[in-house]
Each structure stands twice: as C-alpha cells, then as structure tokens.
N, C-alpha and C. Protein backbone atom coordinates (compact mmCIF):
# COMPACT_ATOMS: atom_id res chain seq x y z
N MET A 1 0.85 -1.18 0.00
CA MET A 1 0.00 0.00 0.00
C MET A 1 0.89 1.24 0.00
N SER A 2 0.60 2.16 -0.89
CA SER A 2 1.41 3.37 -0.97
C SER A 2 1.04 4.31 0.16
N ASP A 3 1.94 5.28 0.40
CA ASP A 3 1.68 6.26 1.46
C ASP A 3 0.40 7.05 1.18
N ASN A 4 0.17 7.39 -0.10
CA ASN A 4 -1.03 8.14 -0.46
C ASN A 4 -2.30 7.36 -0.16
N GLN A 5 -2.28 6.05 -0.44
CA GLN A 5 -3.45 5.22 -0.15
C GLN A 5 -3.68 5.14 1.35
N GLN A 6 -2.60 5.01 2.11
CA GLN A 6 -2.71 4.92 3.56
C GLN A 6 -3.26 6.23 4.12
N ILE A 7 -2.78 7.37 3.64
CA ILE A 7 -3.26 8.67 4.09
C ILE A 7 -4.75 8.80 3.75
N SER A 8 -5.12 8.38 2.56
CA SER A 8 -6.51 8.46 2.12
C SER A 8 -7.40 7.61 3.02
N GLU A 9 -6.96 6.41 3.35
CA GLU A 9 -7.74 5.53 4.21
C GLU A 9 -7.85 6.09 5.63
N ILE A 10 -6.77 6.64 6.13
CA ILE A 10 -6.81 7.25 7.46
C ILE A 10 -7.79 8.41 7.46
N THR A 11 -7.74 9.21 6.42
CA THR A 11 -8.63 10.35 6.33
C THR A 11 -10.08 9.89 6.29
N LEU A 12 -10.36 8.84 5.52
CA LEU A 12 -11.72 8.31 5.47
C LEU A 12 -12.15 7.78 6.83
N GLU A 13 -11.25 7.07 7.50
CA GLU A 13 -11.55 6.53 8.82
C GLU A 13 -11.80 7.65 9.83
N GLU A 14 -10.95 8.67 9.78
CA GLU A 14 -11.12 9.80 10.69
C GLU A 14 -12.42 10.52 10.40
N LYS A 15 -12.73 10.70 9.13
CA LYS A 15 -13.98 11.38 8.75
C LYS A 15 -15.18 10.59 9.26
N GLN A 16 -15.13 9.28 9.13
CA GLN A 16 -16.23 8.44 9.61
C GLN A 16 -16.38 8.59 11.12
N LYS A 17 -15.27 8.63 11.85
CA LYS A 17 -15.33 8.81 13.31
C LYS A 17 -15.93 10.17 13.66
N GLN A 18 -15.55 11.20 12.90
CA GLN A 18 -16.10 12.53 13.14
C GLN A 18 -17.60 12.54 12.89
N LEU A 19 -18.03 11.91 11.81
CA LEU A 19 -19.46 11.84 11.50
C LEU A 19 -20.22 11.07 12.58
N GLU A 20 -19.63 10.00 13.06
CA GLU A 20 -20.27 9.22 14.12
C GLU A 20 -20.39 10.05 15.40
N GLY A 21 -19.34 10.81 15.72
CA GLY A 21 -19.39 11.68 16.90
C GLY A 21 -20.41 12.78 16.73
N LEU A 22 -20.48 13.37 15.54
CA LEU A 22 -21.47 14.40 15.26
C LEU A 22 -22.87 13.83 15.35
N GLN A 23 -23.07 12.63 14.80
CA GLN A 23 -24.38 11.98 14.87
C GLN A 23 -24.78 11.74 16.32
N ALA A 24 -23.85 11.29 17.14
CA ALA A 24 -24.14 11.06 18.56
C ALA A 24 -24.54 12.37 19.26
N ASP A 25 -23.84 13.46 18.93
CA ASP A 25 -24.18 14.76 19.51
C ASP A 25 -25.57 15.22 19.08
N VAL A 26 -25.88 15.06 17.80
CA VAL A 26 -27.20 15.45 17.28
C VAL A 26 -28.28 14.60 17.95
N ASP A 27 -28.07 13.30 18.05
CA ASP A 27 -29.04 12.42 18.70
C ASP A 27 -29.26 12.83 20.15
N ARG A 28 -28.19 13.19 20.84
CA ARG A 28 -28.29 13.63 22.24
C ARG A 28 -29.09 14.91 22.35
N ILE A 29 -28.85 15.86 21.45
CA ILE A 29 -29.55 17.14 21.47
C ILE A 29 -31.05 16.92 21.27
N PHE A 30 -31.41 16.09 20.29
CA PHE A 30 -32.83 15.79 20.06
C PHE A 30 -33.43 15.06 21.26
N ALA A 31 -32.69 14.09 21.83
CA ALA A 31 -33.21 13.34 22.98
C ALA A 31 -33.46 14.27 24.17
N GLU A 32 -32.54 15.20 24.40
CA GLU A 32 -32.73 16.15 25.50
C GLU A 32 -33.94 17.04 25.26
N ALA A 33 -34.14 17.48 24.04
CA ALA A 33 -35.30 18.33 23.71
C ALA A 33 -36.60 17.56 23.95
N ILE A 34 -36.61 16.30 23.56
CA ILE A 34 -37.79 15.47 23.75
C ILE A 34 -38.03 15.21 25.23
N THR A 35 -36.98 14.84 25.94
CA THR A 35 -37.09 14.56 27.38
C THR A 35 -37.58 15.78 28.14
N ASN A 36 -37.06 16.95 27.77
CA ASN A 36 -37.44 18.19 28.46
C ASN A 36 -38.72 18.82 27.90
N GLN A 37 -39.32 18.15 26.92
CA GLN A 37 -40.57 18.60 26.29
C GLN A 37 -40.48 20.06 25.84
N ILE A 38 -39.38 20.37 25.15
CA ILE A 38 -39.17 21.72 24.63
C ILE A 38 -40.05 21.90 23.39
N SER A 39 -40.73 23.02 23.31
CA SER A 39 -41.57 23.30 22.13
C SER A 39 -40.66 23.46 20.91
N THR A 40 -41.23 23.25 19.73
CA THR A 40 -40.43 23.42 18.52
C THR A 40 -39.95 24.87 18.40
N ALA A 41 -40.77 25.82 18.83
CA ALA A 41 -40.38 27.23 18.74
C ALA A 41 -39.16 27.52 19.63
N ASP A 42 -39.18 27.00 20.85
CA ASP A 42 -38.04 27.21 21.75
C ASP A 42 -36.82 26.43 21.29
N PHE A 43 -37.04 25.23 20.77
CA PHE A 43 -35.94 24.42 20.27
C PHE A 43 -35.30 25.10 19.06
N ALA A 44 -36.11 25.71 18.21
CA ALA A 44 -35.58 26.44 17.05
C ALA A 44 -34.66 27.57 17.49
N ILE A 45 -35.04 28.28 18.54
CA ILE A 45 -34.19 29.36 19.07
C ILE A 45 -32.88 28.79 19.57
N GLU A 46 -32.96 27.71 20.35
CA GLU A 46 -31.75 27.06 20.88
C GLU A 46 -30.83 26.62 19.74
N ILE A 47 -31.42 26.03 18.72
CA ILE A 47 -30.62 25.57 17.57
C ILE A 47 -29.92 26.75 16.92
N TRP A 48 -30.67 27.83 16.64
CA TRP A 48 -30.08 28.95 15.92
C TRP A 48 -29.00 29.66 16.74
N VAL A 49 -29.24 29.88 18.03
CA VAL A 49 -28.24 30.54 18.88
C VAL A 49 -26.94 29.76 18.86
N ASN A 50 -27.03 28.45 18.99
CA ASN A 50 -25.82 27.61 19.01
C ASN A 50 -25.20 27.46 17.62
N ALA A 51 -26.01 27.46 16.58
CA ALA A 51 -25.48 27.37 15.21
C ALA A 51 -24.68 28.63 14.88
N VAL A 52 -25.18 29.79 15.29
CA VAL A 52 -24.46 31.05 15.02
C VAL A 52 -23.12 31.05 15.75
N GLN A 53 -23.05 30.36 16.89
CA GLN A 53 -21.79 30.23 17.62
C GLN A 53 -20.90 29.15 17.03
N GLN A 54 -21.32 28.60 15.90
CA GLN A 54 -20.58 27.61 15.12
C GLN A 54 -20.36 26.29 15.86
N LYS A 55 -21.32 25.88 16.65
CA LYS A 55 -21.27 24.58 17.31
C LYS A 55 -21.76 23.55 16.30
N ALA A 56 -20.88 22.66 15.90
CA ALA A 56 -21.11 21.75 14.77
C ALA A 56 -22.44 21.00 14.80
N PRO A 57 -22.84 20.39 15.91
CA PRO A 57 -24.11 19.66 15.86
C PRO A 57 -25.29 20.58 15.56
N TYR A 58 -25.23 21.77 16.09
CA TYR A 58 -26.33 22.72 15.87
C TYR A 58 -26.30 23.28 14.45
N VAL A 59 -25.12 23.46 13.89
CA VAL A 59 -25.01 23.88 12.49
C VAL A 59 -25.63 22.79 11.60
N ALA A 60 -25.34 21.53 11.91
CA ALA A 60 -25.89 20.42 11.15
C ALA A 60 -27.42 20.40 11.25
N ILE A 61 -27.93 20.59 12.46
CA ILE A 61 -29.38 20.57 12.65
C ILE A 61 -30.01 21.76 11.93
N ALA A 62 -29.44 22.95 12.10
CA ALA A 62 -29.98 24.15 11.44
C ALA A 62 -29.99 23.95 9.93
N SER A 63 -28.92 23.40 9.40
CA SER A 63 -28.81 23.16 7.97
C SER A 63 -29.93 22.25 7.49
N ARG A 64 -30.16 21.16 8.19
CA ARG A 64 -31.20 20.21 7.79
C ARG A 64 -32.59 20.84 7.90
N MET A 65 -32.84 21.55 8.98
CA MET A 65 -34.17 22.12 9.18
C MET A 65 -34.45 23.21 8.14
N ILE A 66 -33.45 24.00 7.82
CA ILE A 66 -33.63 25.04 6.80
C ILE A 66 -33.78 24.37 5.43
N HIS A 67 -33.09 23.27 5.22
CA HIS A 67 -33.28 22.51 3.97
C HIS A 67 -34.74 22.05 3.86
N HIS A 68 -35.30 21.53 4.94
CA HIS A 68 -36.71 21.11 4.93
C HIS A 68 -37.61 22.27 4.51
N SER A 69 -37.27 23.47 4.98
CA SER A 69 -38.11 24.64 4.73
C SER A 69 -37.89 25.26 3.36
N THR A 70 -36.69 25.12 2.80
CA THR A 70 -36.34 25.85 1.58
C THR A 70 -35.94 24.97 0.41
N ASN A 71 -35.54 23.74 0.68
CA ASN A 71 -34.98 22.83 -0.32
C ASN A 71 -33.61 23.28 -0.84
N PHE A 72 -32.96 24.25 -0.19
CA PHE A 72 -31.59 24.60 -0.55
C PHE A 72 -30.70 23.42 -0.21
N GLN A 73 -29.64 23.25 -1.02
CA GLN A 73 -28.70 22.15 -0.80
C GLN A 73 -27.28 22.62 -1.10
N GLY A 74 -26.31 21.88 -0.63
CA GLY A 74 -24.90 22.08 -0.97
C GLY A 74 -24.42 23.50 -0.75
N ASP A 75 -23.72 24.04 -1.76
CA ASP A 75 -23.15 25.38 -1.65
C ASP A 75 -24.22 26.44 -1.43
N GLU A 76 -25.36 26.26 -2.07
CA GLU A 76 -26.46 27.20 -1.90
C GLU A 76 -26.88 27.27 -0.43
N MET A 77 -26.95 26.11 0.21
CA MET A 77 -27.32 26.05 1.63
C MET A 77 -26.25 26.73 2.48
N LEU A 78 -24.99 26.45 2.21
CA LEU A 78 -23.91 27.06 3.00
C LEU A 78 -23.92 28.58 2.86
N GLN A 79 -24.12 29.07 1.65
CA GLN A 79 -24.17 30.52 1.44
C GLN A 79 -25.35 31.13 2.19
N PHE A 80 -26.48 30.45 2.15
CA PHE A 80 -27.67 30.95 2.84
C PHE A 80 -27.46 30.96 4.36
N LEU A 81 -26.88 29.89 4.89
CA LEU A 81 -26.59 29.83 6.33
C LEU A 81 -25.62 30.94 6.74
N ARG A 82 -24.59 31.16 5.93
CA ARG A 82 -23.63 32.23 6.24
C ARG A 82 -24.33 33.59 6.24
N TYR A 83 -25.18 33.80 5.24
CA TYR A 83 -25.92 35.06 5.16
C TYR A 83 -26.76 35.25 6.43
N LEU A 84 -27.53 34.23 6.79
CA LEU A 84 -28.36 34.33 7.99
C LEU A 84 -27.52 34.57 9.25
N ALA A 85 -26.42 33.84 9.36
CA ALA A 85 -25.55 33.99 10.54
C ALA A 85 -24.92 35.38 10.59
N ASN A 86 -24.43 35.87 9.46
CA ASN A 86 -23.82 37.20 9.43
C ASN A 86 -24.84 38.28 9.80
N LYS A 87 -26.04 38.17 9.26
CA LYS A 87 -27.08 39.14 9.58
C LYS A 87 -27.50 39.04 11.05
N THR A 88 -27.46 37.82 11.58
CA THR A 88 -27.77 37.63 13.00
C THR A 88 -26.70 38.32 13.85
N LEU A 89 -25.44 38.14 13.49
CA LEU A 89 -24.36 38.77 14.23
C LEU A 89 -24.41 40.29 14.12
N GLU A 90 -24.98 40.79 13.04
CA GLU A 90 -25.18 42.24 12.87
C GLU A 90 -26.42 42.72 13.62
N LYS A 91 -27.08 41.79 14.29
CA LYS A 91 -28.27 42.06 15.10
C LYS A 91 -29.45 42.55 14.26
N ASP A 92 -29.62 41.95 13.09
CA ASP A 92 -30.76 42.23 12.23
C ASP A 92 -31.93 41.37 12.72
N ALA A 93 -32.80 41.96 13.50
CA ALA A 93 -33.88 41.22 14.18
C ALA A 93 -34.80 40.50 13.20
N SER A 94 -35.08 41.10 12.06
CA SER A 94 -35.98 40.44 11.11
C SER A 94 -35.35 39.17 10.54
N ILE A 95 -34.04 39.20 10.32
CA ILE A 95 -33.34 38.01 9.81
C ILE A 95 -33.25 36.94 10.89
N VAL A 96 -33.02 37.35 12.12
CA VAL A 96 -32.99 36.39 13.23
C VAL A 96 -34.34 35.68 13.31
N GLN A 97 -35.41 36.44 13.24
CA GLN A 97 -36.75 35.85 13.31
C GLN A 97 -37.00 34.93 12.12
N TRP A 98 -36.54 35.35 10.95
CA TRP A 98 -36.71 34.52 9.75
C TRP A 98 -35.97 33.20 9.91
N ALA A 99 -34.72 33.25 10.38
CA ALA A 99 -33.94 32.02 10.57
C ALA A 99 -34.63 31.09 11.56
N VAL A 100 -35.08 31.64 12.67
CA VAL A 100 -35.76 30.83 13.70
C VAL A 100 -37.06 30.25 13.13
N ASP A 101 -37.80 31.05 12.37
CA ASP A 101 -39.03 30.56 11.77
C ASP A 101 -38.76 29.42 10.78
N LEU A 102 -37.71 29.56 9.97
CA LEU A 102 -37.35 28.50 9.01
C LEU A 102 -36.98 27.22 9.75
N ILE A 103 -36.23 27.35 10.84
CA ILE A 103 -35.83 26.17 11.62
C ILE A 103 -37.06 25.55 12.27
N ASN A 104 -37.93 26.38 12.84
CA ASN A 104 -39.15 25.87 13.47
C ASN A 104 -40.00 25.12 12.44
N GLN A 105 -40.17 25.70 11.27
CA GLN A 105 -40.92 25.04 10.21
C GLN A 105 -40.25 23.72 9.83
N GLY A 106 -38.93 23.72 9.75
CA GLY A 106 -38.19 22.50 9.45
C GLY A 106 -38.38 21.43 10.51
N LEU A 107 -38.44 21.83 11.77
CA LEU A 107 -38.67 20.87 12.86
C LEU A 107 -40.05 20.25 12.73
N ILE A 108 -41.03 21.05 12.37
CA ILE A 108 -42.39 20.53 12.19
C ILE A 108 -42.42 19.55 11.02
N ILE A 109 -41.76 19.90 9.92
CA ILE A 109 -41.68 19.00 8.77
C ILE A 109 -40.96 17.72 9.15
N ASN A 110 -39.86 17.85 9.89
CA ASN A 110 -39.09 16.69 10.34
C ASN A 110 -39.95 15.77 11.19
N ASN A 111 -40.74 16.35 12.10
CA ASN A 111 -41.63 15.54 12.94
C ASN A 111 -42.67 14.82 12.11
N THR A 112 -43.20 15.49 11.10
CA THR A 112 -44.18 14.88 10.21
C THR A 112 -43.56 13.71 9.46
N LEU A 113 -42.35 13.91 8.93
CA LEU A 113 -41.66 12.83 8.23
C LEU A 113 -41.43 11.65 9.16
N LYS A 114 -41.06 11.94 10.39
CA LYS A 114 -40.80 10.88 11.37
C LYS A 114 -42.07 10.09 11.64
N GLU A 115 -43.18 10.82 11.81
CA GLU A 115 -44.46 10.15 12.08
C GLU A 115 -44.91 9.30 10.90
N GLU A 116 -44.56 9.73 9.70
CA GLU A 116 -44.95 8.99 8.49
C GLU A 116 -43.91 7.93 8.13
N ASN A 117 -42.91 7.75 9.01
CA ASN A 117 -41.83 6.78 8.76
C ASN A 117 -41.12 7.04 7.43
N GLN A 118 -40.91 8.29 7.12
CA GLN A 118 -40.22 8.65 5.89
C GLN A 118 -38.89 9.31 6.20
N ASN A 119 -38.04 8.60 6.87
CA ASN A 119 -36.70 9.09 7.16
C ASN A 119 -36.71 10.39 7.97
N GLY A 120 -37.57 10.46 8.96
CA GLY A 120 -37.60 11.63 9.82
C GLY A 120 -36.44 11.65 10.79
N LYS A 121 -35.75 10.51 10.95
CA LYS A 121 -34.59 10.48 11.83
C LYS A 121 -33.48 11.30 11.20
N PHE A 122 -32.89 12.12 11.99
CA PHE A 122 -31.84 13.02 11.50
C PHE A 122 -30.57 12.23 11.26
N ASP A 123 -30.05 12.29 10.05
CA ASP A 123 -28.84 11.58 9.66
C ASP A 123 -27.83 12.58 9.12
N VAL A 124 -26.76 12.84 9.89
CA VAL A 124 -25.78 13.86 9.48
C VAL A 124 -25.05 13.46 8.20
N GLN A 125 -24.97 12.18 7.88
CA GLN A 125 -24.25 11.76 6.69
C GLN A 125 -25.00 12.14 5.41
N SER A 126 -26.28 12.44 5.52
CA SER A 126 -27.04 12.80 4.33
C SER A 126 -26.99 14.30 4.04
N LEU A 127 -26.25 15.05 4.84
CA LEU A 127 -26.14 16.49 4.61
C LEU A 127 -25.29 16.78 3.39
C-alpha cells in the first residue's frame, strides 16, 4: 500500500469517526429536547443561537431544518446559512426571526416525516 493510499484511508476513517461523533451529539440534542418537552419554537431558538456560535451539531441541525423549509442544498445552503448567521451577528432582528421561523418550520416537517416513517430520523451523513 502506498503512502497516499494509507493517508486516504486514514482520512476516510477519521472522517467516519467525526461523523459518528457528530451523529451522537445530534441524537443527544434531540433526545434532551424530547425529554425536556421543549416546544419546537423554543428548540428552534436554541438551535439557531448555538449554530451562530458555530457549534457543529447545531449547524448540522440548522442546515437540515432550513433545507426542509427551503430545499436549498450544498453550496447554496452554505451561502444561505452564512448570510443568515452574518445578519444575525449584525443584530438584524428580522433576519434572526426569519432564521428561527425557518428552523421551526423544518422541525415541524421533520416531525411529520418521522411520524410517516419517511426518514424523519436526523442523519448527518445525508447532509
């Protein structure tokens, strides 16, 4: 095995471990919200506040929930998230409310998908 192949395999293995750790964090966050019976509106605020602080599990959740609401994907999603985060940091109240509303709507859609057994479980690898 060449050094390049070994580096590539290590990178893949490390990436898989990172994804597994991120998935565990996301699962824990959802479990805590369910256990504490947090409303989707309050959970949306918690998600957005932590996503703006660049906490990876919350960025992943915000990304998925906004995807549910907008169907943005890939680079388009990243640009949109950056725009929302930058405007939030600039204290643009209307953008903050918009971001929270999009996440809240995404949570409701996610719950509906889960109830219909249509992959409502959050999977970070599908981002």
